[in-house]
Structure formats: structure tokens, C-alpha cells
Amino acid sequence: MRRKSKLHLLVTIFMLTILLLTTGCLPSWGRNNSEPTVEAPERMMELARKESIEPVVNTTSYDLDDQPVNTSERKLITTGNLQLETTNLADNERKIKELIEDYSGYLSNSRQQQLADQRQSHSYTIRVPTDNFSALISDLQELGELKNKQISSQDVTDKYIDLEVRQKNLTAQETRYRELLTEAEAVREILEIEKELNRVRTEIERIENQLERYDNQINLSTIRLRLTEPEPLFNNYRLPETLQQAVQGFITSIHLIIIVSGRLLPWLLILITIIILSYKLITKWRK
């Protein structure tokens, strides 16, 4: 009977021990599985800011949809240089202004000058929509005898796309910084975020200005036109200039003769004196 009581007591103690161990472990397991680690607000803001700074698009020679750029979509800056000879500069100036108006362009700059050989020269800088560039070049060539023609195109597609990508990334950063600014509570965090916002906004404006300059150069081509009078048939034999050169040459010659004579005259006098004395001595010696 005593053995049964001891056995019963041992079984009871064993069951109670298992029960205590079970009830002590379950809450711990439940807490570990159901309660995630919560990071501090400052740490979360720092991670978010780092994520916003990292570039989100790779800058390659593709457009924003990661598709190759077609030839028709390339960004080209086209420039033309024309040099013509014509006998009527005034009449051609009127025709040039009419052609510029017909092709929806404008005169950016003009200059008139006289060359060293007394010929007149007029220079024009014309901006015209790129679609009308070739037609205007063709019509301007008819205003005189073509002496020089040069057409060049600068491909700025990669630079343009790179600026667009950077603008997109910076805009995403600006949006994220503004979100962080609404969540920030500490004065230090607010000041730091505002500083970054100003930096990003300044860079965005700089890129926007660069894109606007590119758009202006791409959409409006530049033509540099120069008209000059033809050289006269007898350009080197103009009578007034020839007489003037002859008189000037004569005066220069007289001037040189006077200078040379003034320098040689003392030596000539000495030489003549020596010759006379030598002649007298030789004559006297012979006698």
C-alpha cells in the first residue's frame, strides 16, 4: 500500500513538473513568433532617406522606357555655314529677311563690315525651325555664288537622356524628403531634411535649365550666312592706289639716298683727300 502511495506521489510530481515546464515555455514561444522587432523612429527615417538617395534608374543609351532610341527620336543640334558672293548686298538683305519670315525663323544677329580690300561684307545669324532648315539653306544658296558650305549635326541624345534620368531620380528624392519632413519631429532632423531638400531642388532647377537650352538648340537650327562683294577684275591695278604707292615709293627712295649720303660723305671726303695727296707725292717723286 505504501509502495502504491509512493508511486502515485512520484507520478503526480512528474506530471506537475511537465505541466510547469509546458506552461513556462509556451508564452515565450508565442511572444517570439507574434511580436516583431520595432525599430526606433530615427533609425527608420535614416533608412528611408538612404533608400531615397540611391539611384532608381540606370543611365544608359536608352530612353526612359528602357527601349533603344530610334533614329527619328535622336536629339540633334544642326548648324549650317554658308558663304556667298553677290554684287547687290542691299537687295539681298531684303530677300533674306523675307525668306526668314516665310520659314518661321528669326534673325538672331547681323553685322556689316568693310574688308581690307575695300569690299563690303554682311554677316547674318539665323534661327529657324529644324524642319525648315534644309529648305531655307537651299533658297539662301540662290542669292549669290556659293563659295563655302558646311552642315554639321551634334548628337546630344545620350546627354539629354542622362539629364532626364537624373531629373527623375532627383524628383523621386524630393518627394521622399517631403514625406520624411512631415514625419520628422526633432528639430535637428527637420533642419537636415530641409537642407537636403534645398540641395535637391537646386539641382533639379539646374537640370531643367540645361534641358531647356538643349530643346531650344534642337528645335531651332542655326544658319550662319556671310555675303561678300566679288573681287574686282583689276583689283591690283587701281589707278589712285597705284599713283599713291608710286609717290610713296619715290619719297622713300629719296629718304634712303639722303641717309646713305649723309653717312658716306665724310668717308668720301677722306678718300678724295688721300687720293690727291698720293697723286702729288708720286708726281714729285718722279720729278
Protein backbone atom coordinates (compact mmCIF):
# COMPACT_ATOMS: atom_id res chain seq x y z
CA MET A 1 0.00 0.00 0.00
CA ARG A 2 2.85 2.32 0.91
CA ARG A 3 4.54 1.45 -2.39
CA LYS A 4 1.41 2.44 -4.32
CA SER A 5 1.22 5.75 -2.42
CA LYS A 6 4.86 6.49 -3.17
CA LEU A 7 4.36 5.56 -6.82
CA HIS A 8 1.26 7.72 -7.02
CA LEU A 9 3.15 10.62 -5.43
CA LEU A 10 6.02 10.27 -7.89
CA VAL A 11 3.64 10.21 -10.85
CA THR A 12 1.87 13.30 -9.50
CA ILE A 13 5.17 15.18 -9.04
CA PHE A 14 6.30 14.18 -12.54
CA MET A 15 3.02 15.38 -14.09
CA LEU A 16 3.19 18.69 -12.21
CA THR A 17 6.78 19.19 -13.38
CA ILE A 18 5.84 18.59 -17.01
CA LEU A 19 2.87 20.91 -16.66
CA LEU A 20 5.00 23.71 -15.20
CA LEU A 21 7.63 23.33 -17.90
CA THR A 22 4.97 23.39 -20.63
CA THR A 23 3.17 26.46 -19.28
CA GLY A 24 6.51 28.26 -18.82
CA CYS A 25 7.74 27.75 -22.40
CA LEU A 26 4.57 28.37 -24.41
CA PRO A 27 4.24 32.07 -23.62
CA SER A 28 7.88 32.58 -24.58
CA TRP A 29 7.39 30.86 -27.91
CA GLY A 30 4.21 32.84 -28.61
CA ARG A 31 5.90 36.14 -27.86
CA ASN A 32 8.87 35.40 -30.12
CA ASN A 33 6.65 34.43 -33.07
CA SER A 34 3.95 37.10 -32.82
CA GLU A 35 5.78 40.31 -31.76
CA PRO A 36 8.19 41.65 -34.44
CA THR A 37 11.11 43.87 -33.55
CA VAL A 38 10.18 47.53 -33.83
CA GLU A 39 12.99 49.88 -34.84
CA ALA A 40 13.36 53.36 -33.43
CA PRO A 41 11.77 56.22 -35.44
CA GLU A 42 15.16 57.84 -36.11
CA ARG A 43 16.53 54.58 -37.49
CA MET A 44 13.51 54.17 -39.77
CA MET A 45 13.90 57.72 -41.09
CA GLU A 46 17.60 57.19 -41.76
CA LEU A 47 16.93 54.02 -43.73
CA ALA A 48 14.18 55.71 -45.73
CA ARG A 49 16.43 58.62 -46.58
CA LYS A 50 19.20 56.30 -47.74
CA GLU A 51 16.74 54.46 -49.96
CA SER A 52 15.56 57.74 -51.48
CA ILE A 53 19.12 58.78 -52.32
CA GLU A 54 20.02 55.58 -54.15
CA PRO A 55 19.56 55.85 -57.94
CA VAL A 56 16.47 54.11 -59.22
CA VAL A 57 17.24 54.08 -62.94
CA ASN A 58 20.37 53.02 -64.74
CA THR A 59 21.75 55.70 -67.08
CA THR A 60 22.43 54.07 -70.43
CA SER A 61 21.88 54.96 -74.07
CA TYR A 62 18.21 54.05 -73.81
CA ASP A 63 15.13 56.11 -73.22
CA LEU A 64 13.14 56.14 -70.01
CA ASP A 65 11.23 53.01 -71.01
CA ASP A 66 14.49 51.07 -71.48
CA GLN A 67 13.94 50.90 -75.24
CA PRO A 68 16.63 51.72 -77.82
CA VAL A 69 16.38 55.26 -79.21
CA ASN A 70 15.11 55.31 -82.81
CA THR A 71 16.88 57.42 -85.40
CA SER A 72 13.87 59.74 -85.68
CA GLU A 73 13.92 60.29 -81.90
CA ARG A 74 17.56 61.25 -81.66
CA LYS A 75 18.40 64.69 -80.29
CA LEU A 76 20.43 66.55 -82.92
CA ILE A 77 21.75 70.11 -82.88
CA THR A 78 22.07 71.17 -86.53
CA THR A 79 24.23 74.06 -87.72
CA GLY A 80 24.85 75.41 -91.22
CA ASN A 81 27.52 77.79 -92.56
CA LEU A 82 27.14 79.49 -95.95
CA GLN A 83 29.48 81.91 -97.71
CA LEU A 84 28.25 83.59 -100.90
CA GLU A 85 29.49 86.28 -103.28
CA THR A 86 26.98 88.79 -104.63
CA THR A 87 27.05 92.22 -106.25
CA ASN A 88 23.91 93.61 -104.58
CA LEU A 89 24.12 93.31 -100.81
CA ALA A 90 21.27 95.72 -100.05
CA ASP A 91 18.75 93.89 -102.26
CA ASN A 92 19.81 90.51 -100.89
CA GLU A 93 19.37 91.72 -97.32
CA ARG A 94 15.71 92.40 -98.07
CA LYS A 95 15.32 88.94 -99.64
CA ILE A 96 16.97 87.29 -96.64
CA LYS A 97 14.50 88.88 -94.23
CA GLU A 98 11.59 87.74 -96.42
CA LEU A 99 12.89 84.16 -96.51
CA ILE A 100 13.38 84.12 -92.73
CA GLU A 101 9.78 85.22 -92.25
CA ASP A 102 8.47 82.67 -94.78
CA TYR A 103 10.19 79.83 -92.90
CA SER A 104 9.06 80.97 -89.42
CA GLY A 105 12.57 81.84 -88.29
CA TYR A 106 14.13 84.95 -86.84
CA LEU A 107 17.32 86.95 -87.27
CA SER A 108 19.48 86.44 -84.21
CA ASN A 109 22.38 88.68 -85.22
CA SER A 110 23.67 90.72 -88.16
CA ARG A 111 26.89 92.55 -88.94
CA GLN A 112 28.24 94.78 -91.72
CA GLN A 113 31.93 95.40 -92.28
CA GLN A 114 34.45 96.60 -94.84
CA LEU A 115 37.26 94.24 -95.73
CA ALA A 116 40.90 95.21 -96.16
CA ASP A 117 40.50 95.31 -99.96
CA GLN A 118 37.58 97.79 -99.65
CA ARG A 119 34.93 95.16 -100.32
CA GLN A 120 31.71 95.13 -98.29
CA SER A 121 30.66 92.09 -96.26
CA HIS A 122 27.35 91.31 -94.48
CA SER A 123 27.02 88.51 -91.92
CA TYR A 124 23.79 87.03 -90.52
CA THR A 125 22.97 84.53 -87.78
CA ILE A 126 19.58 82.93 -88.43
CA ARG A 127 17.49 80.64 -86.18
CA VAL A 128 14.92 78.54 -87.98
CA PRO A 129 12.75 75.51 -87.02
CA THR A 130 14.71 72.34 -87.70
CA ASP A 131 12.02 71.06 -90.09
CA ASN A 132 12.58 74.13 -92.32
CA PHE A 133 16.38 74.09 -92.12
CA SER A 134 17.15 72.30 -95.40
CA ALA A 135 14.61 74.29 -97.42
CA LEU A 136 15.94 77.64 -96.16
CA ILE A 137 19.53 76.60 -96.86
CA SER A 138 18.54 75.71 -100.41
CA ASP A 139 16.84 79.09 -101.01
CA LEU A 140 19.67 81.11 -99.48
CA GLN A 141 22.15 79.48 -101.86
CA GLU A 142 20.31 81.11 -104.77
CA LEU A 143 21.22 84.61 -103.57
CA GLY A 144 24.76 84.51 -104.92
CA GLU A 145 27.72 82.41 -105.98
CA LEU A 146 28.40 79.69 -103.42
CA LYS A 147 31.95 79.84 -102.07
CA ASN A 148 31.67 77.65 -98.99
CA LYS A 149 29.01 75.44 -97.44
CA GLN A 150 29.23 73.37 -94.27
CA ILE A 151 26.46 71.45 -92.48
CA SER A 152 27.10 69.78 -89.13
CA SER A 153 24.97 67.89 -86.60
CA GLN A 154 25.84 67.26 -82.97
CA ASP A 155 24.16 64.23 -81.39
CA VAL A 156 23.24 65.01 -77.77
CA THR A 157 20.84 62.09 -77.29
CA ASP A 158 22.85 60.39 -74.55
CA LYS A 159 23.42 63.62 -72.66
CA TYR A 160 19.75 64.54 -72.96
CA ILE A 161 18.57 61.15 -71.70
CA ASP A 162 21.09 61.22 -68.87
CA LEU A 163 19.70 64.58 -67.75
CA GLU A 164 16.14 63.25 -67.91
CA VAL A 165 17.09 60.24 -65.79
CA ARG A 166 18.84 62.40 -63.23
CA GLN A 167 15.83 64.70 -63.14
CA LYS A 168 13.55 61.72 -62.50
CA ASN A 169 15.76 60.41 -59.69
CA LEU A 170 16.04 63.81 -58.06
CA THR A 171 12.27 64.33 -58.27
CA ALA A 172 11.77 60.99 -56.51
CA GLN A 173 14.25 62.07 -53.83
CA GLU A 174 12.43 65.37 -53.39
CA THR A 175 9.11 63.58 -52.91
CA ARG A 176 10.60 61.21 -50.36
CA TYR A 177 12.27 64.05 -48.44
CA ARG A 178 8.94 65.89 -48.24
CA GLU A 179 7.31 62.76 -46.82
CA LEU A 180 10.09 62.48 -44.25
CA LEU A 181 9.67 66.15 -43.37
CA THR A 182 6.04 65.59 -42.43
CA GLU A 183 7.05 62.66 -40.21
CA ALA A 184 10.05 64.31 -38.54
CA GLU A 185 9.62 65.67 -35.00
CA ALA A 186 13.14 66.53 -33.81
CA VAL A 187 14.44 69.98 -34.80
CA ARG A 188 17.76 68.52 -35.90
CA GLU A 189 16.05 66.10 -38.27
CA ILE A 190 13.84 68.85 -39.71
CA LEU A 191 16.82 71.12 -40.40
CA GLU A 192 18.78 68.29 -42.00
CA ILE A 193 15.90 67.29 -44.25
CA GLU A 194 15.27 70.91 -45.30
CA LYS A 195 18.95 71.26 -46.19
CA GLU A 196 18.77 68.20 -48.43
CA LEU A 197 15.52 69.46 -49.96
CA ASN A 198 17.19 72.74 -50.94
CA ARG A 199 20.13 70.91 -52.46
CA VAL A 200 17.90 68.59 -54.49
CA ARG A 201 15.65 71.45 -55.64
CA THR A 202 18.69 73.48 -56.80
CA GLU A 203 20.00 70.52 -58.79
CA ILE A 204 16.57 69.91 -60.35
CA GLU A 205 16.35 73.55 -61.50
CA ARG A 206 19.84 73.40 -62.97
CA ILE A 207 18.94 70.27 -64.97
CA GLU A 208 15.66 71.84 -66.12
CA ASN A 209 17.56 74.88 -67.44
CA GLN A 210 20.01 72.63 -69.28
CA LEU A 211 17.15 70.66 -70.84
CA GLU A 212 15.51 73.91 -71.95
CA ARG A 213 18.74 75.02 -73.63
CA TYR A 214 19.02 71.68 -75.39
CA ASP A 215 15.38 71.89 -76.52
CA ASN A 216 16.00 75.36 -77.94
CA GLN A 217 19.08 74.22 -79.85
CA ILE A 218 17.38 71.02 -81.07
CA ASN A 219 14.10 72.60 -82.17
CA LEU A 220 15.73 75.68 -83.75
CA SER A 221 18.69 75.15 -86.05
CA THR A 222 21.33 77.82 -86.63
CA ILE A 223 22.44 79.17 -90.01
CA ARG A 224 25.45 81.47 -90.28
CA LEU A 225 25.33 83.29 -93.60
CA ARG A 226 28.03 85.59 -94.99
CA LEU A 227 27.65 87.67 -98.16
CA THR A 228 30.64 89.46 -99.68
CA GLU A 229 31.18 91.51 -102.81
CA PRO A 230 33.25 89.78 -105.52
CA GLU A 231 36.84 90.85 -106.05
CA PRO A 232 37.31 93.48 -108.85
CA LEU A 233 38.77 92.19 -112.11
CA PHE A 234 41.77 94.54 -111.84
CA ASN A 235 41.95 94.70 -108.11
CA ASN A 236 45.76 95.16 -108.07
CA TYR A 237 45.80 97.95 -110.66
CA ARG A 238 43.53 100.66 -109.29
CA LEU A 239 44.94 103.99 -110.59
CA PRO A 240 44.58 106.12 -107.42
CA GLU A 241 46.12 103.48 -105.25
CA THR A 242 48.87 102.81 -107.82
CA LEU A 243 49.83 106.51 -108.00
CA GLN A 244 49.79 106.77 -104.27
CA GLN A 245 52.07 103.76 -103.96
CA ALA A 246 54.45 105.23 -106.64
CA VAL A 247 54.73 108.59 -104.86
CA GLN A 248 55.25 106.87 -101.57
CA GLY A 249 57.98 104.70 -103.08
CA PHE A 250 59.74 107.75 -104.59
CA ILE A 251 59.70 109.61 -101.28
CA THR A 252 61.00 106.54 -99.52
CA SER A 253 63.86 106.24 -102.07
CA ILE A 254 64.90 109.91 -101.65
CA HIS A 255 64.79 109.45 -97.92
CA LEU A 256 67.12 106.45 -98.15
CA ILE A 257 69.51 108.28 -100.51
CA ILE A 258 69.82 111.19 -98.10
CA ILE A 259 70.51 108.89 -95.21
CA VAL A 260 73.12 106.87 -97.13
CA SER A 261 74.79 110.01 -98.48
CA GLY A 262 74.99 111.58 -95.05
CA ARG A 263 76.70 108.51 -93.68
CA LEU A 264 79.15 108.03 -96.62
CA LEU A 265 80.08 111.70 -97.29
CA PRO A 266 82.78 112.01 -94.55
CA TRP A 267 84.42 108.84 -95.78
CA LEU A 268 84.30 110.06 -99.38
CA LEU A 269 85.98 113.32 -98.42
CA ILE A 270 88.73 111.44 -96.59
CA LEU A 271 89.21 109.10 -99.54
CA ILE A 272 89.41 112.00 -102.03
CA THR A 273 91.97 113.80 -99.84
CA ILE A 274 94.10 110.67 -99.64
CA ILE A 275 93.97 110.22 -103.41
CA ILE A 276 95.01 113.85 -104.09
CA LEU A 277 97.89 113.71 -101.63
CA SER A 278 99.05 110.40 -103.02
CA TYR A 279 98.99 111.81 -106.58
CA LYS A 280 101.07 114.86 -105.62
CA LEU A 281 103.62 112.73 -103.78
CA ILE A 282 104.02 110.34 -106.70
CA THR A 283 104.34 113.24 -109.20
CA LYS A 284 107.00 114.98 -107.07
CA TRP A 285 108.92 111.71 -106.61
CA ARG A 286 109.07 111.12 -110.36
CA LYS A 287 110.49 114.55 -110.98
